[in-house]
Amino acid sequence: MEASQKRDPRNQRDDRAVLAACQAEVASARAQLEDARRRGARPDVDPLRQNLVAALEHYALTIERLGAPLPSRLCAELQLYRNLGHRT
């Protein structure tokens, strides 16, 4: 991205909107997974965990695309849920 684009307020607004949409997607996926856990709905947990991993991955890719560093907490959460998905 060119320096002039980085300073353009329109691009910054667009970037913030994309990040906000990703954050909302992650929050929704977290809430659905937590709700299924509270209800004890074991069959529902794996697909919801996969949805959360997908949302976290999309959020991470968006952050990287914008040239920002990935928060360590996001990396740790993503790794945790990826590992949980590979349990047998």
Protein backbone atom coordinates (compact mmCIF):
# COMPACT_ATOMS: atom_id res chain seq x y z
CA MET A 1 0.00 0.00 0.00
CA GLU A 2 1.37 3.45 -0.88
CA ALA A 3 2.03 6.02 1.83
CA SER A 4 -0.67 8.30 0.41
CA GLN A 5 -3.24 5.52 0.81
CA LYS A 6 -2.25 4.92 4.43
CA ARG A 7 -2.97 8.55 5.30
CA ASP A 8 -6.26 8.69 3.42
CA PRO A 9 -9.02 8.90 6.05
CA ARG A 10 -11.40 7.01 3.75
CA ASN A 11 -9.08 3.99 3.71
CA GLN A 12 -8.65 4.18 7.47
CA ARG A 13 -12.43 4.22 7.92
CA ASP A 14 -12.75 1.23 5.62
CA ASP A 15 -10.02 -0.62 7.54
CA ARG A 16 -11.72 0.11 10.86
CA ALA A 17 -15.04 -1.10 9.46
CA VAL A 18 -13.49 -4.35 8.23
CA LEU A 19 -11.77 -4.92 11.59
CA ALA A 20 -15.02 -4.19 13.43
CA ALA A 21 -16.87 -6.70 11.25
CA CYS A 22 -14.20 -9.33 11.96
CA GLN A 23 -14.39 -8.60 15.69
CA ALA A 24 -18.16 -8.99 15.59
CA GLU A 25 -17.80 -12.30 13.74
CA VAL A 26 -15.35 -13.56 16.38
CA ALA A 27 -17.57 -12.38 19.24
CA SER A 28 -20.59 -14.12 17.73
CA ALA A 29 -18.68 -17.37 17.20
CA ARG A 30 -17.37 -17.24 20.79
CA ALA A 31 -20.87 -16.62 22.15
CA GLN A 32 -22.38 -19.51 20.18
CA LEU A 33 -19.66 -21.88 21.37
CA GLU A 34 -20.04 -20.77 24.98
CA ASP A 35 -23.83 -21.15 24.78
CA ALA A 36 -23.49 -24.71 23.45
CA ARG A 37 -21.05 -25.54 26.24
CA ARG A 38 -23.41 -24.14 28.89
CA ARG A 39 -26.25 -26.24 27.51
CA GLY A 40 -24.03 -29.31 27.52
CA ALA A 41 -24.61 -29.79 23.79
CA ARG A 42 -21.52 -31.88 23.03
CA PRO A 43 -22.41 -32.73 19.40
CA ASP A 44 -22.78 -29.00 18.68
CA VAL A 45 -19.39 -28.02 20.09
CA ASP A 46 -17.06 -29.29 17.32
CA PRO A 47 -18.72 -27.43 14.42
CA LEU A 48 -18.99 -24.30 16.56
CA ARG A 49 -15.31 -24.59 17.49
CA GLN A 50 -14.49 -24.87 13.78
CA ASN A 51 -16.57 -21.73 13.14
CA LEU A 52 -14.61 -19.91 15.84
CA VAL A 53 -11.29 -21.01 14.34
CA ALA A 54 -12.43 -19.78 10.93
CA ALA A 55 -13.49 -16.43 12.40
CA LEU A 56 -10.20 -16.07 14.29
CA GLU A 57 -8.21 -16.96 11.16
CA HIS A 58 -10.14 -14.41 9.10
CA TYR A 59 -9.54 -11.76 11.77
CA ALA A 60 -5.80 -12.62 11.91
CA LEU A 61 -5.48 -12.45 8.12
CA THR A 62 -7.23 -9.08 8.09
CA ILE A 63 -4.87 -7.70 10.73
CA GLU A 64 -1.85 -9.00 8.80
CA ARG A 65 -3.19 -7.56 5.54
CA LEU A 66 -3.41 -4.15 7.21
CA GLY A 67 0.23 -4.45 8.26
CA ALA A 68 -0.44 -4.50 11.97
CA PRO A 69 1.15 -6.96 14.38
CA LEU A 70 -0.98 -9.86 15.59
CA PRO A 71 -1.86 -9.62 19.27
CA SER A 72 -0.24 -12.47 21.21
CA ARG A 73 -3.59 -13.27 22.84
CA LEU A 74 -5.17 -13.79 19.41
CA CYS A 75 -2.32 -16.08 18.36
CA ALA A 76 -2.63 -18.09 21.58
CA GLU A 77 -6.41 -18.42 21.28
CA LEU A 78 -6.15 -19.50 17.67
CA GLN A 79 -3.51 -22.10 18.50
CA LEU A 80 -5.59 -23.40 21.44
CA TYR A 81 -8.71 -23.95 19.37
CA ARG A 82 -6.75 -25.44 16.48
CA ASN A 83 -5.18 -27.93 18.89
CA LEU A 84 -8.52 -28.76 20.49
CA GLY A 85 -9.89 -29.54 17.05
CA HIS A 86 -7.17 -32.14 16.46
CA ARG A 87 -7.87 -34.18 19.59
CA THR A 88 -8.94 -37.77 19.08
